[in-house]
Amino acid sequence: MATIREQIIEAAVALVNTGAPAGVPLCVRTQMQPNEQAQLPAITCFPFREIITSTKPSGRWGPYIDRVMYLRFVCYNSGAPADQSLDDILAWLTQSLGGQQFGGLAADCVESEINWQFDEGNFQVAAAAIDFKIDYQTLRNDATAS
């Protein structure tokens, strides 16, 4: 059985891949940087960091753990300027994920930070890593239940 964390990640990828506008690629799970220009644009998603914010000794099933997961989407593209070519992709991610509760698995999902990188190696490419802060809860002794 998948953990609540894994269910949230799968739901986030599914949301991003549902109804994406032209020019926004399908998101894949935990893929490293594209090696060829023909692979652009690209989006990958992976959990970046998770913080336990508190435990609550309440409820019928015992203590709950409040968790904050930072889910990172890294977008790659080339263009002139390369960073501008990522703008529509970033806008779609924010529209798809902002305020999501992932079918009741999470309390909230909020855009947290964007980091930019530029690579002028074999082909000019820009990357933007956009982090979403997702608040959710599990049982202390069972990460598959909330």
Protein backbone atom coordinates (compact mmCIF):
# COMPACT_ATOMS: atom_id res chain seq x y z
CA MET A 1 0.00 0.00 0.00
CA ALA A 2 1.36 3.43 -0.95
CA THR A 3 2.09 6.06 1.67
CA ILE A 4 0.09 9.29 1.77
CA ARG A 5 3.25 11.01 0.50
CA GLU A 6 3.42 8.78 -2.58
CA GLN A 7 -0.30 9.16 -3.24
CA ILE A 8 0.06 12.96 -3.16
CA ILE A 9 3.02 12.89 -5.56
CA GLU A 10 1.12 10.65 -7.99
CA ALA A 11 -1.95 12.90 -7.77
CA ALA A 12 0.16 16.03 -8.40
CA VAL A 13 1.75 14.54 -11.52
CA ALA A 14 -1.68 13.43 -12.78
CA LEU A 15 -3.10 16.94 -12.27
CA VAL A 16 -0.23 18.55 -14.15
CA ASN A 17 -0.66 16.09 -17.02
CA THR A 18 -4.43 16.56 -17.29
CA GLY A 19 -5.50 19.17 -19.81
CA ALA A 20 -2.08 20.77 -20.22
CA PRO A 21 -2.13 23.55 -22.82
CA ALA A 22 -0.09 23.45 -26.03
CA GLY A 23 3.62 23.88 -25.35
CA VAL A 24 3.46 22.35 -21.88
CA PRO A 25 5.07 18.88 -21.87
CA LEU A 26 3.94 15.89 -19.87
CA CYS A 27 5.52 15.68 -16.44
CA VAL A 28 7.54 12.58 -15.58
CA ARG A 29 8.53 11.34 -12.15
CA THR A 30 12.13 11.78 -11.02
CA GLN A 31 13.92 12.01 -14.35
CA MET A 32 17.31 13.68 -14.50
CA GLN A 33 18.15 16.58 -16.80
CA PRO A 34 17.49 16.02 -20.53
CA ASN A 35 20.62 15.25 -22.56
CA GLU A 36 19.38 16.26 -25.99
CA GLN A 37 17.77 19.44 -27.22
CA ALA A 38 15.09 17.33 -28.94
CA GLN A 39 13.88 16.32 -25.43
CA LEU A 40 12.90 19.92 -24.61
CA PRO A 41 10.69 21.19 -23.15
CA ALA A 42 10.59 18.81 -20.20
CA ILE A 43 9.18 18.65 -16.67
CA THR A 44 10.15 16.30 -13.87
CA CYS A 45 8.75 16.02 -10.35
CA PHE A 46 10.21 14.66 -7.12
CA PRO A 47 9.92 15.20 -3.37
CA PHE A 48 12.59 17.64 -2.28
CA ARG A 49 12.26 17.92 1.49
CA GLU A 50 9.86 16.93 4.23
CA ILE A 51 9.52 18.41 7.69
CA ILE A 52 7.61 17.03 10.66
CA THR A 53 5.97 20.06 12.21
CA SER A 54 4.17 18.52 15.17
CA THR A 55 2.55 15.46 16.64
CA LYS A 56 -0.96 15.55 18.05
CA PRO A 57 -1.92 13.05 20.75
CA SER A 58 -5.59 13.31 19.81
CA GLY A 59 -8.09 11.44 17.76
CA ARG A 60 -9.50 7.98 17.85
CA TRP A 61 -6.46 6.30 16.28
CA GLY A 62 -3.77 7.93 18.38
CA PRO A 63 -1.25 10.63 17.62
CA TYR A 64 -1.15 12.29 14.25
CA ILE A 65 1.93 13.74 12.61
CA ASP A 66 1.65 17.03 10.76
CA ARG A 67 3.97 17.00 7.77
CA VAL A 68 5.15 19.59 5.28
CA MET A 69 6.47 18.17 2.02
CA TYR A 70 8.20 20.31 -0.55
CA LEU A 71 7.45 18.87 -3.96
CA ARG A 72 9.82 20.12 -6.66
CA PHE A 73 9.01 20.43 -10.34
CA VAL A 74 12.01 21.15 -12.55
CA CYS A 75 11.20 22.59 -15.97
CA TYR A 76 13.71 22.69 -18.83
CA ASN A 77 13.51 24.59 -22.11
CA SER A 78 15.55 26.52 -24.62
CA GLY A 79 14.65 29.68 -26.46
CA ALA A 80 15.54 33.31 -26.81
CA PRO A 81 15.56 34.23 -24.00
CA ALA A 82 15.61 30.75 -22.52
CA ASP A 83 14.08 31.77 -19.17
CA GLN A 84 11.09 33.35 -20.93
CA SER A 85 10.43 30.06 -22.70
CA LEU A 86 9.60 28.54 -19.29
CA ASP A 87 6.97 31.11 -18.35
CA ASP A 88 3.92 29.25 -19.75
CA ILE A 89 5.04 26.01 -18.10
CA LEU A 90 5.46 27.69 -14.70
CA ALA A 91 2.07 29.38 -15.04
CA TRP A 92 0.44 26.01 -15.77
CA LEU A 93 2.04 24.38 -12.73
CA THR A 94 0.76 27.16 -10.48
CA GLN A 95 -2.74 26.93 -11.96
CA SER A 96 -2.80 23.13 -11.66
CA LEU A 97 -1.46 22.78 -8.13
CA GLY A 98 -2.22 25.99 -6.24
CA GLY A 99 -4.70 25.30 -3.45
CA GLN A 100 -5.00 21.59 -4.25
CA GLN A 101 -5.96 19.11 -1.57
CA PHE A 102 -5.37 16.06 -3.79
CA GLY A 103 -8.70 14.40 -3.10
CA GLY A 104 -8.51 15.06 0.63
CA LEU A 105 -4.98 13.72 1.10
CA ALA A 106 -3.54 17.17 1.90
CA ALA A 107 -4.70 20.28 3.71
CA ASP A 108 -3.17 22.71 1.18
CA CYS A 109 -0.65 23.17 -1.61
CA VAL A 110 1.07 26.54 -2.04
CA GLU A 111 3.83 27.68 -4.38
CA SER A 112 6.91 28.23 -2.24
CA GLU A 113 9.95 29.18 -4.33
CA ILE A 114 11.44 29.23 -7.83
CA ASN A 115 15.16 28.80 -8.52
CA TRP A 116 16.64 29.45 -11.97
CA GLN A 117 19.67 27.87 -13.64
CA PHE A 118 21.23 28.39 -17.03
CA ASP A 119 23.48 26.05 -19.00
CA GLU A 120 25.30 27.17 -22.10
CA GLY A 121 26.99 23.81 -22.77
CA ASN A 122 26.01 21.80 -25.83
CA PHE A 123 22.80 23.78 -26.24
CA GLN A 124 21.46 26.76 -24.37
CA VAL A 125 18.93 25.65 -21.81
CA ALA A 126 17.24 27.22 -18.83
CA ALA A 127 15.88 25.32 -15.87
CA ALA A 128 13.43 26.53 -13.28
CA ALA A 129 12.88 24.52 -10.11
CA ILE A 130 9.53 25.44 -8.61
CA ASP A 131 8.74 24.11 -5.14
CA PHE A 132 5.26 23.59 -3.77
CA LYS A 133 4.70 23.38 0.00
CA ILE A 134 2.17 20.67 0.76
CA ASP A 135 0.70 20.32 4.24
CA TYR A 136 -0.63 16.89 5.13
CA GLN A 137 -1.05 14.53 8.03
CA THR A 138 -0.46 10.84 8.75
CA LEU A 139 -0.82 8.57 11.70
CA ARG A 140 2.32 8.39 13.81
CA ASN A 141 2.70 4.68 13.32
CA ASP A 142 1.27 4.36 9.79
CA ALA A 143 2.37 6.62 6.91
CA THR A 144 -0.29 5.00 4.71
CA ALA A 145 -3.19 6.41 6.77
CA SER A 146 -4.28 9.86 7.80
